[in-house]
PDBML (XML) file of the C-alpha atoms, coordinates in Angstrom:
<?xml version="1.0" encoding="UTF-8" ?>
<PDBx:datablock datablockName="MODEL"
   xmlns:PDBx="http://pdbml.pdb.org/schema/pdbx-v50.xsd"
   xmlns:xsi="http://www.w3.org/2001/XMLSchema-instance"
   xsi:schemaLocation="http://pdbml.pdb.org/schema/pdbx-v50.xsd pdbx-v50.xsd">
   <PDBx:atom_siteCategory>
      <PDBx:atom_site id="1">
         <PDBx:B_iso_or_equiv>0.00</PDBx:B_iso_or_equiv>
         <PDBx:Cartn_x>496.399</PDBx:Cartn_x>
         <PDBx:Cartn_y>138.723</PDBx:Cartn_y>
         <PDBx:Cartn_z>116.548</PDBx:Cartn_z>
         <PDBx:auth_asym_id>A</PDBx:auth_asym_id>
         <PDBx:auth_atom_id>CA</PDBx:auth_atom_id>
         <PDBx:auth_comp_id>LEU</PDBx:auth_comp_id>
         <PDBx:auth_seq_id>1</PDBx:auth_seq_id>
         <PDBx:group_PDB>ATOM</PDBx:group_PDB>
         <PDBx:label_alt_id xsi:nil="true" />
         <PDBx:label_asym_id>A</PDBx:label_asym_id>
         <PDBx:label_atom_id>CA</PDBx:label_atom_id>
         <PDBx:label_comp_id>LEU</PDBx:label_comp_id>
         <PDBx:label_entity_id>1</PDBx:label_entity_id>
         <PDBx:label_seq_id>1</PDBx:label_seq_id>
         <PDBx:occupancy>1.00</PDBx:occupancy>
         <PDBx:pdbx_PDB_model_num>1</PDBx:pdbx_PDB_model_num>
         <PDBx:type_symbol>C</PDBx:type_symbol>
      </PDBx:atom_site>
      <PDBx:atom_site id="2">
         <PDBx:B_iso_or_equiv>0.00</PDBx:B_iso_or_equiv>
         <PDBx:Cartn_x>495.822</PDBx:Cartn_x>
         <PDBx:Cartn_y>135.558</PDBx:Cartn_y>
         <PDBx:Cartn_z>114.509</PDBx:Cartn_z>
         <PDBx:auth_asym_id>A</PDBx:auth_asym_id>
         <PDBx:auth_atom_id>CA</PDBx:auth_atom_id>
         <PDBx:auth_comp_id>ARG</PDBx:auth_comp_id>
         <PDBx:auth_seq_id>2</PDBx:auth_seq_id>
         <PDBx:group_PDB>ATOM</PDBx:group_PDB>
         <PDBx:label_alt_id xsi:nil="true" />
         <PDBx:label_asym_id>A</PDBx:label_asym_id>
         <PDBx:label_atom_id>CA</PDBx:label_atom_id>
         <PDBx:label_comp_id>ARG</PDBx:label_comp_id>
         <PDBx:label_entity_id>1</PDBx:label_entity_id>
         <PDBx:label_seq_id>2</PDBx:label_seq_id>
         <PDBx:occupancy>1.00</PDBx:occupancy>
         <PDBx:pdbx_PDB_model_num>1</PDBx:pdbx_PDB_model_num>
         <PDBx:type_symbol>C</PDBx:type_symbol>
      </PDBx:atom_site>
      <PDBx:atom_site id="3">
         <PDBx:B_iso_or_equiv>0.00</PDBx:B_iso_or_equiv>
         <PDBx:Cartn_x>493.651</PDBx:Cartn_x>
         <PDBx:Cartn_y>137.503</PDBx:Cartn_y>
         <PDBx:Cartn_z>111.984</PDBx:Cartn_z>
         <PDBx:auth_asym_id>A</PDBx:auth_asym_id>
         <PDBx:auth_atom_id>CA</PDBx:auth_atom_id>
         <PDBx:auth_comp_id>TRP</PDBx:auth_comp_id>
         <PDBx:auth_seq_id>3</PDBx:auth_seq_id>
         <PDBx:group_PDB>ATOM</PDBx:group_PDB>
         <PDBx:label_alt_id xsi:nil="true" />
         <PDBx:label_asym_id>A</PDBx:label_asym_id>
         <PDBx:label_atom_id>CA</PDBx:label_atom_id>
         <PDBx:label_comp_id>TRP</PDBx:label_comp_id>
         <PDBx:label_entity_id>1</PDBx:label_entity_id>
         <PDBx:label_seq_id>3</PDBx:label_seq_id>
         <PDBx:occupancy>1.00</PDBx:occupancy>
         <PDBx:pdbx_PDB_model_num>1</PDBx:pdbx_PDB_model_num>
         <PDBx:type_symbol>C</PDBx:type_symbol>
      </PDBx:atom_site>
      <PDBx:atom_site id="4">
         <PDBx:B_iso_or_equiv>0.00</PDBx:B_iso_or_equiv>
         <PDBx:Cartn_x>496.466</PDBx:Cartn_x>
         <PDBx:Cartn_y>139.937</PDBx:Cartn_y>
         <PDBx:Cartn_z>111.593</PDBx:Cartn_z>
         <PDBx:auth_asym_id>A</PDBx:auth_asym_id>
         <PDBx:auth_atom_id>CA</PDBx:auth_atom_id>
         <PDBx:auth_comp_id>GLY</PDBx:auth_comp_id>
         <PDBx:auth_seq_id>4</PDBx:auth_seq_id>
         <PDBx:group_PDB>ATOM</PDBx:group_PDB>
         <PDBx:label_alt_id xsi:nil="true" />
         <PDBx:label_asym_id>A</PDBx:label_asym_id>
         <PDBx:label_atom_id>CA</PDBx:label_atom_id>
         <PDBx:label_comp_id>GLY</PDBx:label_comp_id>
         <PDBx:label_entity_id>1</PDBx:label_entity_id>
         <PDBx:label_seq_id>4</PDBx:label_seq_id>
         <PDBx:occupancy>1.00</PDBx:occupancy>
         <PDBx:pdbx_PDB_model_num>1</PDBx:pdbx_PDB_model_num>
         <PDBx:type_symbol>C</PDBx:type_symbol>
      </PDBx:atom_site>
      <PDBx:atom_site id="5">
         <PDBx:B_iso_or_equiv>0.00</PDBx:B_iso_or_equiv>
         <PDBx:Cartn_x>498.893</PDBx:Cartn_x>
         <PDBx:Cartn_y>137.105</PDBx:Cartn_y>
         <PDBx:Cartn_z>110.897</PDBx:Cartn_z>
         <PDBx:auth_asym_id>A</PDBx:auth_asym_id>
         <PDBx:auth_atom_id>CA</PDBx:auth_atom_id>
         <PDBx:auth_comp_id>ALA</PDBx:auth_comp_id>
         <PDBx:auth_seq_id>5</PDBx:auth_seq_id>
         <PDBx:group_PDB>ATOM</PDBx:group_PDB>
         <PDBx:label_alt_id xsi:nil="true" />
         <PDBx:label_asym_id>A</PDBx:label_asym_id>
         <PDBx:label_atom_id>CA</PDBx:label_atom_id>
         <PDBx:label_comp_id>ALA</PDBx:label_comp_id>
         <PDBx:label_entity_id>1</PDBx:label_entity_id>
         <PDBx:label_seq_id>5</PDBx:label_seq_id>
         <PDBx:occupancy>1.00</PDBx:occupancy>
         <PDBx:pdbx_PDB_model_num>1</PDBx:pdbx_PDB_model_num>
         <PDBx:type_symbol>C</PDBx:type_symbol>
      </PDBx:atom_site>
      <PDBx:atom_site id="6">
         <PDBx:B_iso_or_equiv>0.00</PDBx:B_iso_or_equiv>
         <PDBx:Cartn_x>496.497</PDBx:Cartn_x>
         <PDBx:Cartn_y>135.683</PDBx:Cartn_y>
         <PDBx:Cartn_z>108.276</PDBx:Cartn_z>
         <PDBx:auth_asym_id>A</PDBx:auth_asym_id>
         <PDBx:auth_atom_id>CA</PDBx:auth_atom_id>
         <PDBx:auth_comp_id>LEU</PDBx:auth_comp_id>
         <PDBx:auth_seq_id>6</PDBx:auth_seq_id>
         <PDBx:group_PDB>ATOM</PDBx:group_PDB>
         <PDBx:label_alt_id xsi:nil="true" />
         <PDBx:label_asym_id>A</PDBx:label_asym_id>
         <PDBx:label_atom_id>CA</PDBx:label_atom_id>
         <PDBx:label_comp_id>LEU</PDBx:label_comp_id>
         <PDBx:label_entity_id>1</PDBx:label_entity_id>
         <PDBx:label_seq_id>6</PDBx:label_seq_id>
         <PDBx:occupancy>1.00</PDBx:occupancy>
         <PDBx:pdbx_PDB_model_num>1</PDBx:pdbx_PDB_model_num>
         <PDBx:type_symbol>C</PDBx:type_symbol>
      </PDBx:atom_site>
      <PDBx:atom_site id="7">
         <PDBx:B_iso_or_equiv>0.00</PDBx:B_iso_or_equiv>
         <PDBx:Cartn_x>496.092</PDBx:Cartn_x>
         <PDBx:Cartn_y>139.060</PDBx:Cartn_y>
         <PDBx:Cartn_z>106.684</PDBx:Cartn_z>
         <PDBx:auth_asym_id>A</PDBx:auth_asym_id>
         <PDBx:auth_atom_id>CA</PDBx:auth_atom_id>
         <PDBx:auth_comp_id>LEU</PDBx:auth_comp_id>
         <PDBx:auth_seq_id>7</PDBx:auth_seq_id>
         <PDBx:group_PDB>ATOM</PDBx:group_PDB>
         <PDBx:label_alt_id xsi:nil="true" />
         <PDBx:label_asym_id>A</PDBx:label_asym_id>
         <PDBx:label_atom_id>CA</PDBx:label_atom_id>
         <PDBx:label_comp_id>LEU</PDBx:label_comp_id>
         <PDBx:label_entity_id>1</PDBx:label_entity_id>
         <PDBx:label_seq_id>7</PDBx:label_seq_id>
         <PDBx:occupancy>1.00</PDBx:occupancy>
         <PDBx:pdbx_PDB_model_num>1</PDBx:pdbx_PDB_model_num>
         <PDBx:type_symbol>C</PDBx:type_symbol>
      </PDBx:atom_site>
      <PDBx:atom_site id="8">
         <PDBx:B_iso_or_equiv>0.00</PDBx:B_iso_or_equiv>
         <PDBx:Cartn_x>499.820</PDBx:Cartn_x>
         <PDBx:Cartn_y>139.710</PDBx:Cartn_y>
         <PDBx:Cartn_z>106.530</PDBx:Cartn_z>
         <PDBx:auth_asym_id>A</PDBx:auth_asym_id>
         <PDBx:auth_atom_id>CA</PDBx:auth_atom_id>
         <PDBx:auth_comp_id>LYS</PDBx:auth_comp_id>
         <PDBx:auth_seq_id>8</PDBx:auth_seq_id>
         <PDBx:group_PDB>ATOM</PDBx:group_PDB>
         <PDBx:label_alt_id xsi:nil="true" />
         <PDBx:label_asym_id>A</PDBx:label_asym_id>
         <PDBx:label_atom_id>CA</PDBx:label_atom_id>
         <PDBx:label_comp_id>LYS</PDBx:label_comp_id>
         <PDBx:label_entity_id>1</PDBx:label_entity_id>
         <PDBx:label_seq_id>8</PDBx:label_seq_id>
         <PDBx:occupancy>1.00</PDBx:occupancy>
         <PDBx:pdbx_PDB_model_num>1</PDBx:pdbx_PDB_model_num>
         <PDBx:type_symbol>C</PDBx:type_symbol>
      </PDBx:atom_site>
      <PDBx:atom_site id="9">
         <PDBx:B_iso_or_equiv>0.00</PDBx:B_iso_or_equiv>
         <PDBx:Cartn_x>500.339</PDBx:Cartn_x>
         <PDBx:Cartn_y>138.043</PDBx:Cartn_y>
         <PDBx:Cartn_z>103.113</PDBx:Cartn_z>
         <PDBx:auth_asym_id>A</PDBx:auth_asym_id>
         <PDBx:auth_atom_id>CA</PDBx:auth_atom_id>
         <PDBx:auth_comp_id>PRO</PDBx:auth_comp_id>
         <PDBx:auth_seq_id>9</PDBx:auth_seq_id>
         <PDBx:group_PDB>ATOM</PDBx:group_PDB>
         <PDBx:label_alt_id xsi:nil="true" />
         <PDBx:label_asym_id>A</PDBx:label_asym_id>
         <PDBx:label_atom_id>CA</PDBx:label_atom_id>
         <PDBx:label_comp_id>PRO</PDBx:label_comp_id>
         <PDBx:label_entity_id>1</PDBx:label_entity_id>
         <PDBx:label_seq_id>9</PDBx:label_seq_id>
         <PDBx:occupancy>1.00</PDBx:occupancy>
         <PDBx:pdbx_PDB_model_num>1</PDBx:pdbx_PDB_model_num>
         <PDBx:type_symbol>C</PDBx:type_symbol>
      </PDBx:atom_site>
      <PDBx:atom_site id="10">
         <PDBx:B_iso_or_equiv>0.00</PDBx:B_iso_or_equiv>
         <PDBx:Cartn_x>497.646</PDBx:Cartn_x>
         <PDBx:Cartn_y>140.367</PDBx:Cartn_y>
         <PDBx:Cartn_z>101.679</PDBx:Cartn_z>
         <PDBx:auth_asym_id>A</PDBx:auth_asym_id>
         <PDBx:auth_atom_id>CA</PDBx:auth_atom_id>
         <PDBx:auth_comp_id>LEU</PDBx:auth_comp_id>
         <PDBx:auth_seq_id>10</PDBx:auth_seq_id>
         <PDBx:group_PDB>ATOM</PDBx:group_PDB>
         <PDBx:label_alt_id xsi:nil="true" />
         <PDBx:label_asym_id>A</PDBx:label_asym_id>
         <PDBx:label_atom_id>CA</PDBx:label_atom_id>
         <PDBx:label_comp_id>LEU</PDBx:label_comp_id>
         <PDBx:label_entity_id>1</PDBx:label_entity_id>
         <PDBx:label_seq_id>10</PDBx:label_seq_id>
         <PDBx:occupancy>1.00</PDBx:occupancy>
         <PDBx:pdbx_PDB_model_num>1</PDBx:pdbx_PDB_model_num>
         <PDBx:type_symbol>C</PDBx:type_symbol>
      </PDBx:atom_site>
      <PDBx:atom_site id="11">
         <PDBx:B_iso_or_equiv>0.00</PDBx:B_iso_or_equiv>
         <PDBx:Cartn_x>497.809</PDBx:Cartn_x>
         <PDBx:Cartn_y>143.653</PDBx:Cartn_y>
         <PDBx:Cartn_z>103.620</PDBx:Cartn_z>
         <PDBx:auth_asym_id>A</PDBx:auth_asym_id>
         <PDBx:auth_atom_id>CA</PDBx:auth_atom_id>
         <PDBx:auth_comp_id>VAL</PDBx:auth_comp_id>
         <PDBx:auth_seq_id>11</PDBx:auth_seq_id>
         <PDBx:group_PDB>ATOM</PDBx:group_PDB>
         <PDBx:label_alt_id xsi:nil="true" />
         <PDBx:label_asym_id>A</PDBx:label_asym_id>
         <PDBx:label_atom_id>CA</PDBx:label_atom_id>
         <PDBx:label_comp_id>VAL</PDBx:label_comp_id>
         <PDBx:label_entity_id>1</PDBx:label_entity_id>
         <PDBx:label_seq_id>11</PDBx:label_seq_id>
         <PDBx:occupancy>1.00</PDBx:occupancy>
         <PDBx:pdbx_PDB_model_num>1</PDBx:pdbx_PDB_model_num>
         <PDBx:type_symbol>C</PDBx:type_symbol>
      </PDBx:atom_site>
      <PDBx:atom_site id="12">
         <PDBx:B_iso_or_equiv>0.00</PDBx:B_iso_or_equiv>
         <PDBx:Cartn_x>498.966</PDBx:Cartn_x>
         <PDBx:Cartn_y>144.786</PDBx:Cartn_y>
         <PDBx:Cartn_z>107.091</PDBx:Cartn_z>
         <PDBx:auth_asym_id>A</PDBx:auth_asym_id>
         <PDBx:auth_atom_id>CA</PDBx:auth_atom_id>
         <PDBx:auth_comp_id>PRO</PDBx:auth_comp_id>
         <PDBx:auth_seq_id>12</PDBx:auth_seq_id>
         <PDBx:group_PDB>ATOM</PDBx:group_PDB>
         <PDBx:label_alt_id xsi:nil="true" />
         <PDBx:label_asym_id>A</PDBx:label_asym_id>
         <PDBx:label_atom_id>CA</PDBx:label_atom_id>
         <PDBx:label_comp_id>PRO</PDBx:label_comp_id>
         <PDBx:label_entity_id>1</PDBx:label_entity_id>
         <PDBx:label_seq_id>12</PDBx:label_seq_id>
         <PDBx:occupancy>1.00</PDBx:occupancy>
         <PDBx:pdbx_PDB_model_num>1</PDBx:pdbx_PDB_model_num>
         <PDBx:type_symbol>C</PDBx:type_symbol>
      </PDBx:atom_site>
      <PDBx:atom_site id="13">
         <PDBx:B_iso_or_equiv>0.00</PDBx:B_iso_or_equiv>
         <PDBx:Cartn_x>496.261</PDBx:Cartn_x>
         <PDBx:Cartn_y>145.818</PDBx:Cartn_y>
         <PDBx:Cartn_z>109.542</PDBx:Cartn_z>
         <PDBx:auth_asym_id>A</PDBx:auth_asym_id>
         <PDBx:auth_atom_id>CA</PDBx:auth_atom_id>
         <PDBx:auth_comp_id>ALA</PDBx:auth_comp_id>
         <PDBx:auth_seq_id>13</PDBx:auth_seq_id>
         <PDBx:group_PDB>ATOM</PDBx:group_PDB>
         <PDBx:label_alt_id xsi:nil="true" />
         <PDBx:label_asym_id>A</PDBx:label_asym_id>
         <PDBx:label_atom_id>CA</PDBx:label_atom_id>
         <PDBx:label_comp_id>ALA</PDBx:label_comp_id>
         <PDBx:label_entity_id>1</PDBx:label_entity_id>
         <PDBx:label_seq_id>13</PDBx:label_seq_id>
         <PDBx:occupancy>1.00</PDBx:occupancy>
         <PDBx:pdbx_PDB_model_num>1</PDBx:pdbx_PDB_model_num>
         <PDBx:type_symbol>C</PDBx:type_symbol>
      </PDBx:atom_site>
      <PDBx:atom_site id="14">
         <PDBx:B_iso_or_equiv>0.00</PDBx:B_iso_or_equiv>
         <PDBx:Cartn_x>496.297</PDBx:Cartn_x>
         <PDBx:Cartn_y>147.635</PDBx:Cartn_y>
         <PDBx:Cartn_z>112.890</PDBx:Cartn_z>
         <PDBx:auth_asym_id>A</PDBx:auth_asym_id>
         <PDBx:auth_atom_id>CA</PDBx:auth_atom_id>
         <PDBx:auth_comp_id>ARG</PDBx:auth_comp_id>
         <PDBx:auth_seq_id>14</PDBx:auth_seq_id>
         <PDBx:group_PDB>ATOM</PDBx:group_PDB>
         <PDBx:label_alt_id xsi:nil="true" />
         <PDBx:label_asym_id>A</PDBx:label_asym_id>
         <PDBx:label_atom_id>CA</PDBx:label_atom_id>
         <PDBx:label_comp_id>ARG</PDBx:label_comp_id>
         <PDBx:label_entity_id>1</PDBx:label_entity_id>
         <PDBx:label_seq_id>14</PDBx:label_seq_id>
         <PDBx:occupancy>1.00</PDBx:occupancy>
         <PDBx:pdbx_PDB_model_num>1</PDBx:pdbx_PDB_model_num>
         <PDBx:type_symbol>C</PDBx:type_symbol>
      </PDBx:atom_site>
      <PDBx:atom_site id="15">
         <PDBx:B_iso_or_equiv>0.00</PDBx:B_iso_or_equiv>
         <PDBx:Cartn_x>495.694</PDBx:Cartn_x>
         <PDBx:Cartn_y>145.423</PDBx:Cartn_y>
         <PDBx:Cartn_z>115.945</PDBx:Cartn_z>
         <PDBx:auth_asym_id>A</PDBx:auth_asym_id>
         <PDBx:auth_atom_id>CA</PDBx:auth_atom_id>
         <PDBx:auth_comp_id>LEU</PDBx:auth_comp_id>
         <PDBx:auth_seq_id>15</PDBx:auth_seq_id>
         <PDBx:group_PDB>ATOM</PDBx:group_PDB>
         <PDBx:label_alt_id xsi:nil="true" />
         <PDBx:label_asym_id>A</PDBx:label_asym_id>
         <PDBx:label_atom_id>CA</PDBx:label_atom_id>
         <PDBx:label_comp_id>LEU</PDBx:label_comp_id>
         <PDBx:label_entity_id>1</PDBx:label_entity_id>
         <PDBx:label_seq_id>15</PDBx:label_seq_id>
         <PDBx:occupancy>1.00</PDBx:occupancy>
         <PDBx:pdbx_PDB_model_num>1</PDBx:pdbx_PDB_model_num>
         <PDBx:type_symbol>C</PDBx:type_symbol>
      </PDBx:atom_site>
      <PDBx:atom_site id="16">
         <PDBx:B_iso_or_equiv>0.00</PDBx:B_iso_or_equiv>
         <PDBx:Cartn_x>493.237</PDBx:Cartn_x>
         <PDBx:Cartn_y>147.911</PDBx:Cartn_y>
         <PDBx:Cartn_z>117.433</PDBx:Cartn_z>
         <PDBx:auth_asym_id>A</PDBx:auth_asym_id>
         <PDBx:auth_atom_id>CA</PDBx:auth_atom_id>
         <PDBx:auth_comp_id>SER</PDBx:auth_comp_id>
         <PDBx:auth_seq_id>16</PDBx:auth_seq_id>
         <PDBx:group_PDB>ATOM</PDBx:group_PDB>
         <PDBx:label_alt_id xsi:nil="true" />
         <PDBx:label_asym_id>A</PDBx:label_asym_id>
         <PDBx:label_atom_id>CA</PDBx:label_atom_id>
         <PDBx:label_comp_id>SER</PDBx:label_comp_id>
         <PDBx:label_entity_id>1</PDBx:label_entity_id>
         <PDBx:label_seq_id>16</PDBx:label_seq_id>
         <PDBx:occupancy>1.00</PDBx:occupancy>
         <PDBx:pdbx_PDB_model_num>1</PDBx:pdbx_PDB_model_num>
         <PDBx:type_symbol>C</PDBx:type_symbol>
      </PDBx:atom_site>
      <PDBx:atom_site id="17">
         <PDBx:B_iso_or_equiv>0.00</PDBx:B_iso_or_equiv>
         <PDBx:Cartn_x>491.088</PDBx:Cartn_x>
         <PDBx:Cartn_y>147.759</PDBx:Cartn_y>
         <PDBx:Cartn_z>114.271</PDBx:Cartn_z>
         <PDBx:auth_asym_id>A</PDBx:auth_asym_id>
         <PDBx:auth_atom_id>CA</PDBx:auth_atom_id>
         <PDBx:auth_comp_id>ASP</PDBx:auth_comp_id>
         <PDBx:auth_seq_id>17</PDBx:auth_seq_id>
         <PDBx:group_PDB>ATOM</PDBx:group_PDB>
         <PDBx:label_alt_id xsi:nil="true" />
         <PDBx:label_asym_id>A</PDBx:label_asym_id>
         <PDBx:label_atom_id>CA</PDBx:label_atom_id>
         <PDBx:label_comp_id>ASP</PDBx:label_comp_id>
         <PDBx:label_entity_id>1</PDBx:label_entity_id>
         <PDBx:label_seq_id>17</PDBx:label_seq_id>
         <PDBx:occupancy>1.00</PDBx:occupancy>
         <PDBx:pdbx_PDB_model_num>1</PDBx:pdbx_PDB_model_num>
         <PDBx:type_symbol>C</PDBx:type_symbol>
      </PDBx:atom_site>
      <PDBx:atom_site id="18">
         <PDBx:B_iso_or_equiv>0.00</PDBx:B_iso_or_equiv>
         <PDBx:Cartn_x>491.307</PDBx:Cartn_x>
         <PDBx:Cartn_y>143.990</PDBx:Cartn_y>
         <PDBx:Cartn_z>114.177</PDBx:Cartn_z>
         <PDBx:auth_asym_id>A</PDBx:auth_asym_id>
         <PDBx:auth_atom_id>CA</PDBx:auth_atom_id>
         <PDBx:auth_comp_id>LEU</PDBx:auth_comp_id>
         <PDBx:auth_seq_id>18</PDBx:auth_seq_id>
         <PDBx:group_PDB>ATOM</PDBx:group_PDB>
         <PDBx:label_alt_id xsi:nil="true" />
         <PDBx:label_asym_id>A</PDBx:label_asym_id>
         <PDBx:label_atom_id>CA</PDBx:label_atom_id>
         <PDBx:label_comp_id>LEU</PDBx:label_comp_id>
         <PDBx:label_entity_id>1</PDBx:label_entity_id>
         <PDBx:label_seq_id>18</PDBx:label_seq_id>
         <PDBx:occupancy>1.00</PDBx:occupancy>
         <PDBx:pdbx_PDB_model_num>1</PDBx:pdbx_PDB_model_num>
         <PDBx:type_symbol>C</PDBx:type_symbol>
      </PDBx:atom_site>
      <PDBx:atom_site id="19">
         <PDBx:B_iso_or_equiv>0.00</PDBx:B_iso_or_equiv>
         <PDBx:Cartn_x>490.103</PDBx:Cartn_x>
         <PDBx:Cartn_y>143.779</PDBx:Cartn_y>
         <PDBx:Cartn_z>117.747</PDBx:Cartn_z>
         <PDBx:auth_asym_id>A</PDBx:auth_asym_id>
         <PDBx:auth_atom_id>CA</PDBx:auth_atom_id>
         <PDBx:auth_comp_id>PHE</PDBx:auth_comp_id>
         <PDBx:auth_seq_id>19</PDBx:auth_seq_id>
         <PDBx:group_PDB>ATOM</PDBx:group_PDB>
         <PDBx:label_alt_id xsi:nil="true" />
         <PDBx:label_asym_id>A</PDBx:label_asym_id>
         <PDBx:label_atom_id>CA</PDBx:label_atom_id>
         <PDBx:label_comp_id>PHE</PDBx:label_comp_id>
         <PDBx:label_entity_id>1</PDBx:label_entity_id>
         <PDBx:label_seq_id>19</PDBx:label_seq_id>
         <PDBx:occupancy>1.00</PDBx:occupancy>
         <PDBx:pdbx_PDB_model_num>1</PDBx:pdbx_PDB_model_num>
         <PDBx:type_symbol>C</PDBx:type_symbol>
      </PDBx:atom_site>
      <PDBx:atom_site id="20">
         <PDBx:B_iso_or_equiv>0.00</PDBx:B_iso_or_equiv>
         <PDBx:Cartn_x>487.185</PDBx:Cartn_x>
         <PDBx:Cartn_y>146.164</PDBx:Cartn_y>
         <PDBx:Cartn_z>117.183</PDBx:Cartn_z>
         <PDBx:auth_asym_id>A</PDBx:auth_asym_id>
         <PDBx:auth_atom_id>CA</PDBx:auth_atom_id>
         <PDBx:auth_comp_id>VAL</PDBx:auth_comp_id>
         <PDBx:auth_seq_id>20</PDBx:auth_seq_id>
         <PDBx:group_PDB>ATOM</PDBx:group_PDB>
         <PDBx:label_alt_id xsi:nil="true" />
         <PDBx:label_asym_id>A</PDBx:label_asym_id>
         <PDBx:label_atom_id>CA</PDBx:label_atom_id>
         <PDBx:label_comp_id>VAL</PDBx:label_comp_id>
         <PDBx:label_entity_id>1</PDBx:label_entity_id>
         <PDBx:label_seq_id>20</PDBx:label_seq_id>
         <PDBx:occupancy>1.00</PDBx:occupancy>
         <PDBx:pdbx_PDB_model_num>1</PDBx:pdbx_PDB_model_num>
         <PDBx:type_symbol>C</PDBx:type_symbol>
      </PDBx:atom_site>
      <PDBx:atom_site id="21">
         <PDBx:B_iso_or_equiv>0.00</PDBx:B_iso_or_equiv>
         <PDBx:Cartn_x>486.125</PDBx:Cartn_x>
         <PDBx:Cartn_y>144.303</PDBx:Cartn_y>
         <PDBx:Cartn_z>114.022</PDBx:Cartn_z>
         <PDBx:auth_asym_id>A</PDBx:auth_asym_id>
         <PDBx:auth_atom_id>CA</PDBx:auth_atom_id>
         <PDBx:auth_comp_id>ALA</PDBx:auth_comp_id>
         <PDBx:auth_seq_id>21</PDBx:auth_seq_id>
         <PDBx:group_PDB>ATOM</PDBx:group_PDB>
         <PDBx:label_alt_id xsi:nil="true" />
         <PDBx:label_asym_id>A</PDBx:label_asym_id>
         <PDBx:label_atom_id>CA</PDBx:label_atom_id>
         <PDBx:label_comp_id>ALA</PDBx:label_comp_id>
         <PDBx:label_entity_id>1</PDBx:label_entity_id>
         <PDBx:label_seq_id>21</PDBx:label_seq_id>
         <PDBx:occupancy>1.00</PDBx:occupancy>
         <PDBx:pdbx_PDB_model_num>1</PDBx:pdbx_PDB_model_num>
         <PDBx:type_symbol>C</PDBx:type_symbol>
      </PDBx:atom_site>
      <PDBx:atom_site id="22">
         <PDBx:B_iso_or_equiv>0.00</PDBx:B_iso_or_equiv>
         <PDBx:Cartn_x>486.425</PDBx:Cartn_x>
         <PDBx:Cartn_y>140.924</PDBx:Cartn_y>
         <PDBx:Cartn_z>115.713</PDBx:Cartn_z>
         <PDBx:auth_asym_id>A</PDBx:auth_asym_id>
         <PDBx:auth_atom_id>CA</PDBx:auth_atom_id>
         <PDBx:auth_comp_id>THR</PDBx:auth_comp_id>
         <PDBx:auth_seq_id>22</PDBx:auth_seq_id>
         <PDBx:group_PDB>ATOM</PDBx:group_PDB>
         <PDBx:label_alt_id xsi:nil="true" />
         <PDBx:label_asym_id>A</PDBx:label_asym_id>
         <PDBx:label_atom_id>CA</PDBx:label_atom_id>
         <PDBx:label_comp_id>THR</PDBx:label_comp_id>
         <PDBx:label_entity_id>1</PDBx:label_entity_id>
         <PDBx:label_seq_id>22</PDBx:label_seq_id>
         <PDBx:occupancy>1.00</PDBx:occupancy>
         <PDBx:pdbx_PDB_model_num>1</PDBx:pdbx_PDB_model_num>
         <PDBx:type_symbol>C</PDBx:type_symbol>
      </PDBx:atom_site>
      <PDBx:atom_site id="23">
         <PDBx:B_iso_or_equiv>0.00</PDBx:B_iso_or_equiv>
         <PDBx:Cartn_x>484.278</PDBx:Cartn_x>
         <PDBx:Cartn_y>141.746</PDBx:Cartn_y>
         <PDBx:Cartn_z>118.732</PDBx:Cartn_z>
         <PDBx:auth_asym_id>A</PDBx:auth_asym_id>
         <PDBx:auth_atom_id>CA</PDBx:auth_atom_id>
         <PDBx:auth_comp_id>THR</PDBx:auth_comp_id>
         <PDBx:auth_seq_id>23</PDBx:auth_seq_id>
         <PDBx:group_PDB>ATOM</PDBx:group_PDB>
         <PDBx:label_alt_id xsi:nil="true" />
         <PDBx:label_asym_id>A</PDBx:label_asym_id>
         <PDBx:label_atom_id>CA</PDBx:label_atom_id>
         <PDBx:label_comp_id>THR</PDBx:label_comp_id>
         <PDBx:label_entity_id>1</PDBx:label_entity_id>
         <PDBx:label_seq_id>23</PDBx:label_seq_id>
         <PDBx:occupancy>1.00</PDBx:occupancy>
         <PDBx:pdbx_PDB_model_num>1</PDBx:pdbx_PDB_model_num>
         <PDBx:type_symbol>C</PDBx:type_symbol>
      </PDBx:atom_site>
      <PDBx:atom_site id="24">
         <PDBx:B_iso_or_equiv>0.00</PDBx:B_iso_or_equiv>
         <PDBx:Cartn_x>481.659</PDBx:Cartn_x>
         <PDBx:Cartn_y>143.588</PDBx:Cartn_y>
         <PDBx:Cartn_z>116.724</PDBx:Cartn_z>
         <PDBx:auth_asym_id>A</PDBx:auth_asym_id>
         <PDBx:auth_atom_id>CA</PDBx:auth_atom_id>
         <PDBx:auth_comp_id>ILE</PDBx:auth_comp_id>
         <PDBx:auth_seq_id>24</PDBx:auth_seq_id>
         <PDBx:group_PDB>ATOM</PDBx:group_PDB>
         <PDBx:label_alt_id xsi:nil="true" />
         <PDBx:label_asym_id>A</PDBx:label_asym_id>
         <PDBx:label_atom_id>CA</PDBx:label_atom_id>
         <PDBx:label_comp_id>ILE</PDBx:label_comp_id>
         <PDBx:label_entity_id>1</PDBx:label_entity_id>
         <PDBx:label_seq_id>24</PDBx:label_seq_id>
         <PDBx:occupancy>1.00</PDBx:occupancy>
         <PDBx:pdbx_PDB_model_num>1</PDBx:pdbx_PDB_model_num>
         <PDBx:type_symbol>C</PDBx:type_symbol>
      </PDBx:atom_site>
   </PDBx:atom_siteCategory>
</PDBx:datablock>
């Protein structure tokens, strides 16, 4: 969720993708 908030000024991203990328 925090990564998505940091990405928001650049590009929106889906939470599911953010979670998968974070854990991997």
